[in-house]
Amino acid sequence: EQLSSLRLIPNLFVLRPADANEVSVAWQIAIERKEGPTAIVLTRQK
């Protein structure tokens, strides 16, 4: 339930990359986004 529940918080950006290269994009968004927090959601598995 955590992924959906985090999406319910206003002004929290939740980013869930689908592969390694999307992780680079996620970090760029988190660095550029100055008006609120960003959650980068990541896999344990390859």
PDB file of all heavy atoms in Angstrom:
ATOM      1  N   GLU A   1       0.801  -1.224   0.000  1.00  0.00           N
ATOM      2  CA  GLU A   1       0.000   0.000   0.000  1.00  0.00           C
ATOM      3  C   GLU A   1       0.835   1.275   0.000  1.00  0.00           C
ATOM      4  O   GLU A   1       0.308   2.367  -0.242  1.00  0.00           O
ATOM      5  CB  GLU A   1      -0.939   0.013   1.212  1.00  0.00           C
ATOM      6  CG  GLU A   1      -0.254   0.223   2.565  1.00  0.00           C
ATOM      7  CD  GLU A   1       0.368  -1.016   3.197  1.00  0.00           C
ATOM      8  OE1 GLU A   1       0.615  -2.005   2.477  1.00  0.00           O
ATOM      9  OE2 GLU A   1       0.614  -0.987   4.414  1.00  0.00           O
ATOM     10  N   GLN A   2       2.145   1.164   0.243  1.00  0.00           N
ATOM     11  CA  GLN A   2       2.972   2.368   0.460  1.00  0.00           C
ATOM     12  C   GLN A   2       3.067   3.256  -0.780  1.00  0.00           C
ATOM     13  O   GLN A   2       3.010   4.481  -0.684  1.00  0.00           O
ATOM     14  CB  GLN A   2       4.376   1.963   0.923  1.00  0.00           C
ATOM     15  CG  GLN A   2       4.475   1.595   2.383  1.00  0.00           C
ATOM     16  CD  GLN A   2       3.860   0.240   2.700  1.00  0.00           C
ATOM     17  OE1 GLN A   2       3.665  -0.577   1.807  1.00  0.00           O
ATOM     18  NE2 GLN A   2       3.567   0.010   3.967  1.00  0.00           N
ATOM     19  N   LEU A   3       3.214   2.630  -1.942  1.00  0.00           N
ATOM     20  CA  LEU A   3       3.386   3.413  -3.168  1.00  0.00           C
ATOM     21  C   LEU A   3       2.165   4.291  -3.418  1.00  0.00           C
ATOM     22  O   LEU A   3       2.271   5.501  -3.670  1.00  0.00           O
ATOM     23  CB  LEU A   3       3.632   2.457  -4.339  1.00  0.00           C
ATOM     24  CG  LEU A   3       4.197   3.004  -5.630  1.00  0.00           C
ATOM     25  CD1 LEU A   3       5.452   3.826  -5.398  1.00  0.00           C
ATOM     26  CD2 LEU A   3       4.489   1.859  -6.592  1.00  0.00           C
ATOM     27  N   SER A   4       0.998   3.696  -3.309  1.00  0.00           N
ATOM     28  CA  SER A   4      -0.234   4.472  -3.511  1.00  0.00           C
ATOM     29  C   SER A   4      -0.405   5.527  -2.430  1.00  0.00           C
ATOM     30  O   SER A   4      -0.832   6.655  -2.710  1.00  0.00           O
ATOM     31  CB  SER A   4      -1.442   3.535  -3.517  1.00  0.00           C
ATOM     32  OG  SER A   4      -1.430   2.717  -4.668  1.00  0.00           O
ATOM     33  N   SER A   5      -0.100   5.159  -1.198  1.00  0.00           N
ATOM     34  CA  SER A   5      -0.321   6.114  -0.105  1.00  0.00           C
ATOM     35  C   SER A   5       0.600   7.319  -0.222  1.00  0.00           C
ATOM     36  O   SER A   5       0.208   8.447   0.102  1.00  0.00           O
ATOM     37  CB  SER A   5      -0.152   5.431   1.251  1.00  0.00           C
ATOM     38  OG  SER A   5       1.198   5.116   1.515  1.00  0.00           O
ATOM     39  N   LEU A   6       1.825   7.121  -0.678  1.00  0.00           N
ATOM     40  CA  LEU A   6       2.724   8.261  -0.875  1.00  0.00           C
ATOM     41  C   LEU A   6       2.202   9.180  -1.978  1.00  0.00           C
ATOM     42  O   LEU A   6       2.349  10.404  -1.911  1.00  0.00           O
ATOM     43  CB  LEU A   6       4.137   7.775  -1.209  1.00  0.00           C
ATOM     44  CG  LEU A   6       4.918   7.151  -0.053  1.00  0.00           C
ATOM     45  CD1 LEU A   6       6.231   6.552  -0.555  1.00  0.00           C
ATOM     46  CD2 LEU A   6       5.194   8.164   1.053  1.00  0.00           C
ATOM     47  N   ARG A   7       1.584   8.583  -2.992  1.00  0.00           N
ATOM     48  CA  ARG A   7       1.040   9.397  -4.079  1.00  0.00           C
ATOM     49  C   ARG A   7      -0.121  10.274  -3.617  1.00  0.00           C
ATOM     50  O   ARG A   7      -0.503  11.221  -4.311  1.00  0.00           O
ATOM     51  CB  ARG A   7       0.581   8.484  -5.226  1.00  0.00           C
ATOM     52  CG  ARG A   7       1.729   7.845  -5.993  1.00  0.00           C
ATOM     53  CD  ARG A   7       1.209   6.859  -7.011  1.00  0.00           C
ATOM     54  NE  ARG A   7       2.277   6.263  -7.814  1.00  0.00           N
ATOM     55  CZ  ARG A   7       2.274   5.018  -8.264  1.00  0.00           C
ATOM     56  NH1 ARG A   7       1.250   4.221  -7.988  1.00  0.00           N
ATOM     57  NH2 ARG A   7       3.277   4.561  -8.981  1.00  0.00           N
ATOM     58  N   LEU A   8      -0.685   9.969  -2.462  1.00  0.00           N
ATOM     59  CA  LEU A   8      -1.800  10.758  -1.949  1.00  0.00           C
ATOM     60  C   LEU A   8      -1.342  12.038  -1.255  1.00  0.00           C
ATOM     61  O   LEU A   8      -2.159  12.917  -0.978  1.00  0.00           O
ATOM     62  CB  LEU A   8      -2.626   9.921  -0.962  1.00  0.00           C
ATOM     63  CG  LEU A   8      -3.295   8.670  -1.528  1.00  0.00           C
ATOM     64  CD1 LEU A   8      -4.047   7.932  -0.428  1.00  0.00           C
ATOM     65  CD2 LEU A   8      -4.243   9.016  -2.671  1.00  0.00           C
ATOM     66  N   ILE A   9      -0.059  12.147  -0.952  1.00  0.00           N
ATOM     67  CA  ILE A   9       0.439  13.333  -0.244  1.00  0.00           C
ATOM     68  C   ILE A   9       0.616  14.482  -1.237  1.00  0.00           C
ATOM     69  O   ILE A   9       1.417  14.374  -2.169  1.00  0.00           O
ATOM     70  CB  ILE A   9       1.781  13.037   0.461  1.00  0.00           C
ATOM     71  CG1 ILE A   9       1.608  11.900   1.487  1.00  0.00           C
ATOM     72  CG2 ILE A   9       2.325  14.285   1.137  1.00  0.00           C
ATOM     73  CD1 ILE A   9       2.906  11.479   2.161  1.00  0.00           C
ATOM     74  N   PRO A  10      -0.112  15.575  -1.068  1.00  0.00           N
ATOM     75  CA  PRO A  10       0.053  16.704  -1.996  1.00  0.00           C
ATOM     76  C   PRO A  10       1.493  17.229  -1.979  1.00  0.00           C
ATOM     77  O   PRO A  10       2.144  17.266  -0.938  1.00  0.00           O
ATOM     78  CB  PRO A  10      -0.913  17.763  -1.438  1.00  0.00           C
ATOM     79  CG  PRO A  10      -1.886  17.000  -0.599  1.00  0.00           C
ATOM     80  CD  PRO A  10      -1.125  15.841  -0.035  1.00  0.00           C
ATOM     81  N   ASN A  11       1.965  17.604  -3.157  1.00  0.00           N
ATOM     82  CA  ASN A  11       3.287  18.225  -3.334  1.00  0.00           C
ATOM     83  C   ASN A  11       4.456  17.283  -3.076  1.00  0.00           C
ATOM     84  O   ASN A  11       5.595  17.729  -2.981  1.00  0.00           O
ATOM     85  CB  ASN A  11       3.438  19.483  -2.459  1.00  0.00           C
ATOM     86  CG  ASN A  11       4.581  20.364  -2.935  1.00  0.00           C
ATOM     87  OD1 ASN A  11       4.810  20.519  -4.129  1.00  0.00           O
ATOM     88  ND2 ASN A  11       5.337  20.931  -2.001  1.00  0.00           N
ATOM     89  N   LEU A  12       4.212  15.987  -2.970  1.00  0.00           N
ATOM     90  CA  LEU A  12       5.296  15.008  -2.967  1.00  0.00           C
ATOM     91  C   LEU A  12       5.348  14.375  -4.345  1.00  0.00           C
ATOM     92  O   LEU A  12       4.350  13.826  -4.814  1.00  0.00           O
ATOM     93  CB  LEU A  12       5.047  13.935  -1.906  1.00  0.00           C
ATOM     94  CG  LEU A  12       6.017  12.734  -1.928  1.00  0.00           C
ATOM     95  CD1 LEU A  12       7.433  13.160  -1.555  1.00  0.00           C
ATOM     96  CD2 LEU A  12       5.527  11.625  -0.999  1.00  0.00           C
ATOM     97  N   PHE A  13       6.492  14.461  -5.007  1.00  0.00           N
ATOM     98  CA  PHE A  13       6.680  13.776  -6.284  1.00  0.00           C
ATOM     99  C   PHE A  13       7.221  12.373  -6.011  1.00  0.00           C
ATOM    100  O   PHE A  13       8.233  12.223  -5.314  1.00  0.00           O
ATOM    101  CB  PHE A  13       7.656  14.545  -7.178  1.00  0.00           C
ATOM    102  CG  PHE A  13       7.013  15.629  -8.006  1.00  0.00           C
ATOM    103  CD1 PHE A  13       5.832  16.230  -7.608  1.00  0.00           C
ATOM    104  CD2 PHE A  13       7.602  16.054  -9.189  1.00  0.00           C
ATOM    105  CE1 PHE A  13       5.230  17.232  -8.365  1.00  0.00           C
ATOM    106  CE2 PHE A  13       7.015  17.051  -9.958  1.00  0.00           C
ATOM    107  CZ  PHE A  13       5.824  17.645  -9.552  1.00  0.00           C
ATOM    108  N   VAL A  14       6.525  11.375  -6.537  1.00  0.00           N
ATOM    109  CA  VAL A  14       6.946   9.978  -6.395  1.00  0.00           C
ATOM    110  C   VAL A  14       7.407   9.500  -7.765  1.00  0.00           C
ATOM    111  O   VAL A  14       6.629   9.499  -8.727  1.00  0.00           O
ATOM    112  CB  VAL A  14       5.789   9.105  -5.874  1.00  0.00           C
ATOM    113  CG1 VAL A  14       6.242   7.657  -5.719  1.00  0.00           C
ATOM    114  CG2 VAL A  14       5.265   9.643  -4.548  1.00  0.00           C
ATOM    115  N   LEU A  15       8.665   9.103  -7.871  1.00  0.00           N
ATOM    116  CA  LEU A  15       9.260   8.684  -9.136  1.00  0.00           C
ATOM    117  C   LEU A  15       9.608   7.200  -9.054  1.00  0.00           C
ATOM    118  O   LEU A  15      10.291   6.776  -8.123  1.00  0.00           O
ATOM    119  CB  LEU A  15      10.535   9.481  -9.437  1.00  0.00           C
ATOM    120  CG  LEU A  15      10.496  11.004  -9.200  1.00  0.00           C
ATOM    121  CD1 LEU A  15      11.856  11.624  -9.538  1.00  0.00           C
ATOM    122  CD2 LEU A  15       9.396  11.665 -10.011  1.00  0.00           C
ATOM    123  N   ARG A  16       9.140   6.417 -10.033  1.00  0.00           N
ATOM    124  CA  ARG A  16       9.428   4.978 -10.015  1.00  0.00           C
ATOM    125  C   ARG A  16      10.058   4.580 -11.349  1.00  0.00           C
ATOM    126  O   ARG A  16       9.366   4.280 -12.326  1.00  0.00           O
ATOM    127  CB  ARG A  16       8.160   4.170  -9.750  1.00  0.00           C
ATOM    128  CG  ARG A  16       8.454   2.705  -9.416  1.00  0.00           C
ATOM    129  CD  ARG A  16       7.225   1.961  -8.942  1.00  0.00           C
ATOM    130  NE  ARG A  16       7.591   0.604  -8.565  1.00  0.00           N
ATOM    131  CZ  ARG A  16       6.999  -0.505  -9.004  1.00  0.00           C
ATOM    132  NH1 ARG A  16       5.976  -0.412  -9.854  1.00  0.00           N
ATOM    133  NH2 ARG A  16       7.406  -1.690  -8.614  1.00  0.00           N
ATOM    134  N   PRO A  17      11.389   4.566 -11.407  1.00  0.00           N
ATOM    135  CA  PRO A  17      12.087   4.258 -12.661  1.00  0.00           C
ATOM    136  C   PRO A  17      11.912   2.798 -13.074  1.00  0.00           C
ATOM    137  O   PRO A  17      11.833   1.903 -12.234  1.00  0.00           O
ATOM    138  CB  PRO A  17      13.562   4.545 -12.338  1.00  0.00           C
ATOM    139  CG  PRO A  17      13.551   5.302 -11.042  1.00  0.00           C
ATOM    140  CD  PRO A  17      12.324   4.894 -10.324  1.00  0.00           C
ATOM    141  N   ALA A  18      11.890   2.576 -14.394  1.00  0.00           N
ATOM    142  CA  ALA A  18      11.720   1.227 -14.935  1.00  0.00           C
ATOM    143  C   ALA A  18      13.036   0.559 -15.304  1.00  0.00           C
ATOM    144  O   ALA A  18      13.069  -0.644 -15.554  1.00  0.00           O
ATOM    145  CB  ALA A  18      10.808   1.265 -16.160  1.00  0.00           C
ATOM    146  N   ASP A  19      14.101   1.334 -15.356  1.00  0.00           N
ATOM    147  CA  ASP A  19      15.423   0.732 -15.582  1.00  0.00           C
ATOM    148  C   ASP A  19      16.497   1.688 -15.081  1.00  0.00           C
ATOM    149  O   ASP A  19      16.200   2.786 -14.577  1.00  0.00           O
ATOM    150  CB  ASP A  19      15.636   0.337 -17.050  1.00  0.00           C
ATOM    151  CG  ASP A  19      15.862   1.513 -17.998  1.00  0.00           C
ATOM    152  OD1 ASP A  19      15.803   2.689 -17.555  1.00  0.00           O
ATOM    153  OD2 ASP A  19      16.107   1.265 -19.200  1.00  0.00           O
ATOM    154  N   ALA A  20      17.756   1.287 -15.209  1.00  0.00           N
ATOM    155  CA  ALA A  20      18.868   2.049 -14.635  1.00  0.00           C
ATOM    156  C   ALA A  20      18.948   3.455 -15.216  1.00  0.00           C
ATOM    157  O   ALA A  20      19.206   4.428 -14.490  1.00  0.00           O
ATOM    158  CB  ALA A  20      20.176   1.298 -14.858  1.00  0.00           C
ATOM    159  N   ASN A  21      18.731   3.589 -16.521  1.00  0.00           N
ATOM    160  CA  ASN A  21      18.865   4.914 -17.127  1.00  0.00           C
ATOM    161  C   ASN A  21      17.761   5.871 -16.680  1.00  0.00           C
ATOM    162  O   ASN A  21      17.971   7.081 -16.610  1.00  0.00           O
ATOM    163  CB  ASN A  21      18.904   4.790 -18.656  1.00  0.00           C
ATOM    164  CG  ASN A  21      20.262   4.303 -19.121  1.00  0.00           C
ATOM    165  OD1 ASN A  21      21.293   4.832 -18.722  1.00  0.00           O
ATOM    166  ND2 ASN A  21      20.263   3.246 -19.935  1.00  0.00           N
ATOM    167  N   GLU A  22      16.601   5.336 -16.343  1.00  0.00           N
ATOM    168  CA  GLU A  22      15.548   6.204 -15.814  1.00  0.00           C
ATOM    169  C   GLU A  22      15.903   6.707 -14.412  1.00  0.00           C
ATOM    170  O   GLU A  22      15.380   7.735 -13.974  1.00  0.00           O
ATOM    171  CB  GLU A  22      14.202   5.474 -15.822  1.00  0.00           C
ATOM    172  CG  GLU A  22      13.668   5.251 -17.236  1.00  0.00           C
ATOM    173  CD  GLU A  22      12.222   4.788 -17.277  1.00  0.00           C
ATOM    174  OE1 GLU A  22      11.593   4.671 -16.202  1.00  0.00           O
ATOM    175  OE2 GLU A  22      11.711   4.557 -18.391  1.00  0.00           O
ATOM    176  N   VAL A  23      16.791   6.007 -13.730  1.00  0.00           N
ATOM    177  CA  VAL A  23      17.244   6.465 -12.411  1.00  0.00           C
ATOM    178  C   VAL A  23      18.022   7.774 -12.550  1.00  0.00           C
ATOM    179  O   VAL A  23      17.881   8.686 -11.724  1.00  0.00           O
ATOM    180  CB  VAL A  23      18.093   5.390 -11.716  1.00  0.00           C
ATOM    181  CG1 VAL A  23      18.673   5.917 -10.407  1.00  0.00           C
ATOM    182  CG2 VAL A  23      17.263   4.140 -11.450  1.00  0.00           C
ATOM    183  N   SER A  24      18.838   7.875 -13.575  1.00  0.00           N
ATOM    184  CA  SER A  24      19.567   9.129 -13.811  1.00  0.00           C
ATOM    185  C   SER A  24      18.598  10.288 -13.998  1.00  0.00           C
ATOM    186  O   SER A  24      18.796  11.389 -13.467  1.00  0.00           O
ATOM    187  CB  SER A  24      20.472   8.996 -15.041  1.00  0.00           C
ATOM    188  OG  SER A  24      21.577   8.164 -14.775  1.00  0.00           O
ATOM    189  N   VAL A  25      17.523  10.040 -14.735  1.00  0.00           N
ATOM    190  CA  VAL A  25      16.515  11.081 -14.944  1.00  0.00           C
ATOM    191  C   VAL A  25      15.841  11.437 -13.616  1.00  0.00           C
ATOM    192  O   VAL A  25      15.588  12.608 -13.321  1.00  0.00           O
ATOM    193  CB  VAL A  25      15.464  10.614 -15.968  1.00  0.00           C
ATOM    194  CG1 VAL A  25      14.474  11.751 -16.256  1.00  0.00           C
ATOM    195  CG2 VAL A  25      16.115  10.146 -17.254  1.00  0.00           C
ATOM    196  N   ALA A  26      15.578  10.407 -12.808  1.00  0.00           N
ATOM    197  CA  ALA A  26      14.926  10.645 -11.517  1.00  0.00           C
ATOM    198  C   ALA A  26      15.757  11.577 -10.653  1.00  0.00           C
ATOM    199  O   ALA A  26      15.227  12.508 -10.025  1.00  0.00           O
ATOM    200  CB  ALA A  26      14.694   9.314 -10.803  1.00  0.00           C
ATOM    201  N   TRP A  27      17.048  11.336 -10.600  1.00  0.00           N
ATOM    202  CA  TRP A  27      17.909  12.200  -9.782  1.00  0.00           C
ATOM    203  C   TRP A  27      17.972  13.613 -10.348  1.00  0.00           C
ATOM    204  O   TRP A  27      18.004  14.593  -9.597  1.00  0.00           O
ATOM    205  CB  TRP A  27      19.306  11.599  -9.646  1.00  0.00           C
ATOM    206  CG  TRP A  27      19.389  10.672  -8.474  1.00  0.00           C
ATOM    207  CD1 TRP A  27      19.365   9.307  -8.488  1.00  0.00           C
ATOM    208  CD2 TRP A  27      19.477  11.053  -7.094  1.00  0.00           C
ATOM    209  NE1 TRP A  27      19.431   8.812  -7.200  1.00  0.00           N
ATOM    210  CE2 TRP A  27      19.504   9.865  -6.326  1.00  0.00           C
ATOM    211  CE3 TRP A  27      19.529  12.274  -6.428  1.00  0.00           C
ATOM    212  CZ2 TRP A  27      19.588   9.871  -4.934  1.00  0.00           C
ATOM    213  CZ3 TRP A  27      19.619  12.287  -5.043  1.00  0.00           C
ATOM    214  CH2 TRP A  27      19.638  11.097  -4.315  1.00  0.00           C
ATOM    215  N   GLN A  28      17.955  13.747 -11.669  1.00  0.00           N
ATOM    216  CA  GLN A  28      17.942  15.096 -12.247  1.00  0.00           C
ATOM    217  C   GLN A  28      16.674  15.836 -11.831  1.00  0.00           C
ATOM    218  O   GLN A  28      16.726  17.019 -11.452  1.00  0.00           O
ATOM    219  CB  GLN A  28      18.026  15.040 -13.779  1.00  0.00           C
ATOM    220  CG  GLN A  28      17.916  16.426 -14.413  1.00  0.00           C
ATOM    221  CD  GLN A  28      18.273  16.455 -15.881  1.00  0.00           C
ATOM    222  OE1 GLN A  28      19.172  15.738 -16.318  1.00  0.00           O
ATOM    223  NE2 GLN A  28      17.578  17.270 -16.648  1.00  0.00           N
ATOM    224  N   ILE A  29      15.551  15.164 -11.863  1.00  0.00           N
ATOM    225  CA  ILE A  29      14.288  15.792 -11.457  1.00  0.00           C
ATOM    226  C   ILE A  29      14.359  16.207  -9.993  1.00  0.00           C
ATOM    227  O   ILE A  29      13.948  17.320  -9.616  1.00  0.00           O
ATOM    228  CB  ILE A  29      13.112  14.824 -11.699  1.00  0.00           C
ATOM    229  CG1 ILE A  29      12.905  14.617 -13.198  1.00  0.00           C
ATOM    230  CG2 ILE A  29      11.838  15.335 -11.032  1.00  0.00           C
ATOM    231  CD1 ILE A  29      12.016  13.439 -13.544  1.00  0.00           C
ATOM    232  N   ALA A  30      14.882  15.319  -9.135  1.00  0.00           N
ATOM    233  CA  ALA A  30      14.959  15.617  -7.700  1.00  0.00           C
ATOM    234  C   ALA A  30      15.858  16.820  -7.422  1.00  0.00           C
ATOM    235  O   ALA A  30      15.583  17.619  -6.520  1.00  0.00           O
ATOM    236  CB  ALA A  30      15.466  14.394  -6.945  1.00  0.00           C
ATOM    237  N   ILE A  31      16.923  16.956  -8.188  1.00  0.00           N
ATOM    238  CA  ILE A  31      17.852  18.077  -8.003  1.00  0.00           C
ATOM    239  C   ILE A  31      17.237  19.385  -8.501  1.00  0.00           C
ATOM    240  O   ILE A  31      17.391  20.441  -7.878  1.00  0.00           O
ATOM    241  CB  ILE A  31      19.187  17.790  -8.734  1.00  0.00           C
ATOM    242  CG1 ILE A  31      19.919  16.629  -8.045  1.00  0.00           C
ATOM    243  CG2 ILE A  31      20.080  19.033  -8.763  1.00  0.00           C
ATOM    244  CD1 ILE A  31      21.046  16.043  -8.876  1.00  0.00           C
ATOM    245  N   GLU A  32      16.515  19.305  -9.597  1.00  0.00           N
ATOM    246  CA  GLU A  32      15.942  20.517 -10.184  1.00  0.00           C
ATOM    247  C   GLU A  32      14.683  20.971  -9.452  1.00  0.00           C
ATOM    248  O   GLU A  32      14.332  22.153  -9.479  1.00  0.00           O
ATOM    249  CB  GLU A  32      15.601  20.269 -11.658  1.00  0.00           C
ATOM    250  CG  GLU A  32      16.812  20.040 -12.546  1.00  0.00           C
ATOM    251  CD  GLU A  32      17.732  21.245 -12.596  1.00  0.00           C
ATOM    252  OE1 GLU A  32      17.235  22.374 -12.735  1.00  0.00           O
ATOM    253  OE2 GLU A  32      18.952  21.060 -12.481  1.00  0.00           O
ATOM    254  N   ARG A  33      14.014  20.038  -8.782  1.00  0.00           N
ATOM    255  CA  ARG A  33      12.737  20.369  -8.137  1.00  0.00           C
ATOM    256  C   ARG A  33      12.982  20.998  -6.770  1.00  0.00           C
ATOM    257  O   ARG A  33      13.365  20.327  -5.817  1.00  0.00           O
ATOM    258  CB  ARG A  33      11.874  19.109  -7.999  1.00  0.00           C
ATOM    259  CG  ARG A  33      10.522  19.428  -7.413  1.00  0.00           C
ATOM    260  CD  ARG A  33       9.556  18.273  -7.455  1.00  0.00           C
ATOM    261  NE  ARG A  33       8.248  18.781  -7.089  1.00  0.00           N
ATOM    262  CZ  ARG A  33       7.675  18.592  -5.898  1.00  0.00           C
ATOM    263  NH1 ARG A  33       8.277  17.859  -4.980  1.00  0.00           N
ATOM    264  NH2 ARG A  33       6.502  19.126  -5.634  1.00  0.00           N
ATOM    265  N   LYS A  34      12.742  22.279  -6.657  1.00  0.00           N
ATOM    266  CA  LYS A  34      13.092  23.010  -5.437  1.00  0.00           C
ATOM    267  C   LYS A  34      11.881  23.364  -4.576  1.00  0.00           C
ATOM    268  O   LYS A  34      12.034  23.872  -3.474  1.00  0.00           O
ATOM    269  CB  LYS A  34      13.860  24.280  -5.797  1.00  0.00           C
ATOM    270  CG  LYS A  34      15.193  23.987  -6.487  1.00  0.00           C
ATOM    271  CD  LYS A  34      15.909  25.248  -6.895  1.00  0.00           C
ATOM    272  CE  LYS A  34      17.318  24.969  -7.387  1.00  0.00           C
ATOM    273  NZ  LYS A  34      17.365  24.133  -8.581  1.00  0.00           N
ATOM    274  N   GLU A  35      10.674  23.102  -5.069  1.00  0.00           N
ATOM    275  CA  GLU A  35       9.486  23.548  -4.342  1.00  0.00           C
ATOM    276  C   GLU A  35       8.807  22.428  -3.560  1.00  0.00           C
ATOM    277  O   GLU A  35       7.676  22.573  -3.106  1.00  0.00           O
ATOM    278  CB  GLU A  35       8.483  24.188  -5.311  1.00  0.00           C
ATOM    279  CG  GLU A  35       7.874  23.242  -6.319  1.00  0.00           C
ATOM    280  CD  GLU A  35       8.739  22.987  -7.555  1.00  0.00           C
ATOM    281  OE1 GLU A  35       9.892  23.455  -7.610  1.00  0.00           O
ATOM    282  OE2 GLU A  35       8.244  22.317  -8.471  1.00  0.00           O
ATOM    283  N   GLY A  36       9.508  21.320  -3.371  1.00  0.00           N
ATOM    284  CA  GLY A  36       8.924  20.237  -2.590  1.00  0.00           C
ATOM    285  C   GLY A  36       9.806  19.006  -2.602  1.00  0.00           C
ATOM    286  O   GLY A  36      10.799  18.937  -3.336  1.00  0.00           O
ATOM    287  N   PRO A  37       9.453  17.991  -1.794  1.00  0.00           N
ATOM    288  CA  PRO A  37      10.269  16.773  -1.698  1.00  0.00           C
ATOM    289  C   PRO A  37      10.006  15.808  -2.849  1.00  0.00           C
ATOM    290  O   PRO A  37       8.952  15.856  -3.498  1.00  0.00           O
ATOM    291  CB  PRO A  37       9.816  16.169  -0.371  1.00  0.00           C
ATOM    292  CG  PRO A  37       8.397  16.620  -0.227  1.00  0.00           C
ATOM    293  CD  PRO A  37       8.328  17.990  -0.853  1.00  0.00           C
ATOM    294  N   THR A  38      10.958  14.928  -3.065  1.00  0.00           N
ATOM    295  CA  THR A  38      10.878  13.925  -4.127  1.00  0.00           C
ATOM    296  C   THR A  38      11.246  12.565  -3.557  1.00  0.00           C
ATOM    297  O   THR A  38      12.268  12.425  -2.880  1.00  0.00           O
ATOM    298  CB  THR A  38      11.838  14.272  -5.282  1.00  0.00           C
ATOM    299  OG1 THR A  38      11.523  15.578  -5.780  1.00  0.00           O
ATOM    300  CG2 THR A  38      11.725  13.258  -6.398  1.00  0.00           C
ATOM    301  N   ALA A  39      10.414  11.557  -3.834  1.00  0.00           N
ATOM    302  CA  ALA A  39      10.705  10.179  -3.429  1.00  0.00           C
ATOM    303  C   ALA A  39      11.081   9.379  -4.666  1.00  0.00           C
ATOM    304  O   ALA A  39      10.304   9.303  -5.626  1.00  0.00           O
ATOM    305  CB  ALA A  39       9.494   9.560  -2.744  1.00  0.00           C
ATOM    306  N   ILE A  40      12.285   8.809  -4.637  1.00  0.00           N
ATOM    307  CA  ILE A  40      12.736   7.945  -5.729  1.00  0.00           C
ATOM    308  C   ILE A  40      12.567   6.505  -5.252  1.00  0.00           C
ATOM    309  O   ILE A  40      13.176   6.087  -4.266  1.00  0.00           O
ATOM    310  CB  ILE A  40      14.196   8.242  -6.107  1.00  0.00           C
ATOM    311  CG1 ILE A  40      14.355   9.719  -6.479  1.00  0.00           C
ATOM    312  CG2 ILE A  40      14.635   7.359  -7.266  1.00  0.00           C
ATOM    313  CD1 ILE A  40      15.789  10.135  -6.790  1.00  0.00           C
ATOM    314  N   VAL A  41      11.724   5.750  -5.951  1.00  0.00           N
ATOM    315  CA  VAL A  41      11.310   4.414  -5.509  1.00  0.00           C
ATOM    316  C   VAL A  41      12.009   3.371  -6.380  1.00  0.00           C
ATOM    317  O   VAL A  41      11.858   3.382  -7.613  1.00  0.00           O
ATOM    318  CB  VAL A  41       9.778   4.288  -5.589  1.00  0.00           C
ATOM    319  CG1 VAL A  41       9.334   2.900  -5.159  1.00  0.00           C
ATOM    320  CG2 VAL A  41       9.120   5.355  -4.712  1.00  0.00           C
ATOM    321  N   LEU A  42      12.740   2.462  -5.737  1.00  0.00           N
ATOM    322  CA  LEU A  42      13.717   1.631  -6.441  1.00  0.00           C
ATOM    323  C   LEU A  42      13.585   0.144  -6.097  1.00  0.00           C
ATOM    324  O   LEU A  42      13.144  -0.219  -5.003  1.00  0.00           O
ATOM    325  CB  LEU A  42      15.130   2.109  -6.084  1.00  0.00           C
ATOM    326  CG  LEU A  42      15.404   3.603  -6.343  1.00  0.00           C
ATOM    327  CD1 LEU A  42      16.645   4.061  -5.609  1.00  0.00           C
ATOM    328  CD2 LEU A  42      15.520   3.862  -7.841  1.00  0.00           C
ATOM    329  N   THR A  43      14.031  -0.685  -7.023  1.00  0.00           N
ATOM    330  CA  THR A  43      13.914  -2.135  -6.846  1.00  0.00           C
ATOM    331  C   THR A  43      15.109  -2.731  -6.109  1.00  0.00           C
ATOM    332  O   THR A  43      16.222  -2.195  -6.168  1.00  0.00           O
ATOM    333  CB  THR A  43      13.823  -2.855  -8.198  1.00  0.00           C
ATOM    334  OG1 THR A  43      15.063  -2.675  -8.908  1.00  0.00           O
ATOM    335  CG2 THR A  43      12.677  -2.335  -9.029  1.00  0.00           C
ATOM    336  N   ARG A  44      14.850  -3.835  -5.439  1.00  0.00           N
ATOM    337  CA  ARG A  44      15.952  -4.658  -4.946  1.00  0.00           C
ATOM    338  C   ARG A  44      16.492  -5.525  -6.083  1.00  0.00           C
ATOM    339  O   ARG A  44      17.699  -5.730  -6.218  1.00  0.00           O
ATOM    340  CB  ARG A  44      15.472  -5.567  -3.815  1.00  0.00           C
ATOM    341  CG  ARG A  44      16.603  -6.439  -3.286  1.00  0.00           C
ATOM    342  CD  ARG A  44      16.105  -7.616  -2.478  1.00  0.00           C
ATOM    343  NE  ARG A  44      17.238  -8.399  -1.993  1.00  0.00           N
ATOM    344  CZ  ARG A  44      17.173  -9.668  -1.657  1.00  0.00           C
ATOM    345  NH1 ARG A  44      16.034 -10.326  -1.762  1.00  0.00           N
ATOM    346  NH2 ARG A  44      18.238 -10.301  -1.220  1.00  0.00           N
ATOM    347  N   GLN A  45      15.571  -6.051  -6.909  1.00  0.00           N
ATOM    348  CA  GLN A  45      15.938  -7.032  -7.940  1.00  0.00           C
ATOM    349  C   GLN A  45      16.495  -6.357  -9.195  1.00  0.00           C
ATOM    350  O   GLN A  45      16.184  -5.214  -9.493  1.00  0.00           O
ATOM    351  CB  GLN A  45      14.725  -7.903  -8.291  1.00  0.00           C
ATOM    352  CG  GLN A  45      13.627  -7.223  -9.098  1.00  0.00           C
ATOM    353  CD  GLN A  45      12.593  -6.517  -8.237  1.00  0.00           C
ATOM    354  OE1 GLN A  45      12.875  -6.077  -7.127  1.00  0.00           O
ATOM    355  NE2 GLN A  45      11.382  -6.374  -8.763  1.00  0.00           N
ATOM    356  N   LYS A  46      17.298  -7.124  -9.913  1.00  0.00           N
ATOM    357  CA  LYS A  46      17.877  -6.636 -11.173  1.00  0.00           C
ATOM    358  C   LYS A  46      16.774  -6.475 -12.210  1.00  0.00           C
ATOM    359  O   LYS A  46      15.880  -7.320 -12.327  1.00  0.00           O
ATOM    360  CB  LYS A  46      18.926  -7.622 -11.674  1.00  0.00           C
ATOM    361  CG  LYS A  46      19.621  -7.192 -12.959  1.00  0.00           C
ATOM    362  CD  LYS A  46      20.527  -8.275 -13.518  1.00  0.00           C
ATOM    363  CE  LYS A  46      21.751  -8.486 -12.665  1.00  0.00           C
ATOM    364  NZ  LYS A  46      22.719  -9.426 -13.329  1.00  0.00           N
TER     365      LYS A  46
END
